[in-house]
Amino acid sequence: MITEKQQAVLQFIEDYQLQFGKSPTLREMRENFGVSSDNSILKHLNALQEKGYLKKDDTPRGIGLLQKVKDKLEAVSNVTRIPLLGTIPAGGPVLSDEHVLDYFEVGNDLLKRPQGSFALRVSGLSMINAGILEGDFVIANQAVKAKDGDIVVALVDGKNTVKRYRSKDGRVWLQAENPEYNDIDPTEFLEIQGVVTAVIRMY
C-alpha cells in the first residue's frame, strides 16, 4: 500500500512521462507540489522505489519509465490511425478534408501495410457471399498490386465499388459475390484504388 501523498507523486510522474516521454526533475516536482526541499520529494520517491512502484538513479531525470506508462505507449504504438473516406476520386485515395469523413484507430495486426491504408463503408449487397455486408467497413491499401481473385476498391466509369478483381487472357472485369448482381465489365474507365485487406463490422 502507498500513502495518499505517494500516490499523488506517482500520478504526477505518470502524467509527466506520458506527456513528455521523460521523467520530471526534482525541481519540477517541488514546484508542482509547492514544497521547498528536495528531501520531502526524495522521501516519497525512495518509499515508492522500496515498494516496487518505480526505479530511479541519481541523475536529474533518473526515474525510469513506469510500467503503466510502458504499457500505454506500447498499446499506442500498435495502433494506426487511418482515414475513413466518403468517396474516392480518380487518381486514388485523396487524403484531404473534402474526402475524409473520419478516422479509424486500427490495430496493426489487422493491417498488412499501415502506410497507404484507408477505410471505406460498403453500400449494397453485391459481396455478401464473400462475407461483406452493407454497412461494413473495408480496409484497403493503395500500395498493394491487385491480382486475380483479390477483393478491391475500384473506380468504374465514375463510380466507386467493392468487388472481386478478375483478370484472364488480357480481359479484366469485376466479379460480384451475389448471384442477384451482375459482374462489371468496365466500358470506359477502371482504376483499382486499393486491395481489401480486412473487414470491420460494427454491432
Foldseek 3Di string as FASTA:
>chain_A
DADPVLVVLLVVQLVCCLVPVFGAFLVVVCVVVVHDDSVVVVVSVVVCVVVPQWDADPDRRGIDHGPVSVVVVVVQVQWAKAFEFAFAFPPARDPDPVTGPGIDIDGCVLPPDSPQKHKYAAADAQAVQVVHGHRKIWIWGQVDDDDQQFWFFKQAPRHTHTFGWHDDPRATWGHTNDVVDHTGRRDPDMDTRGTTRDIGDDD
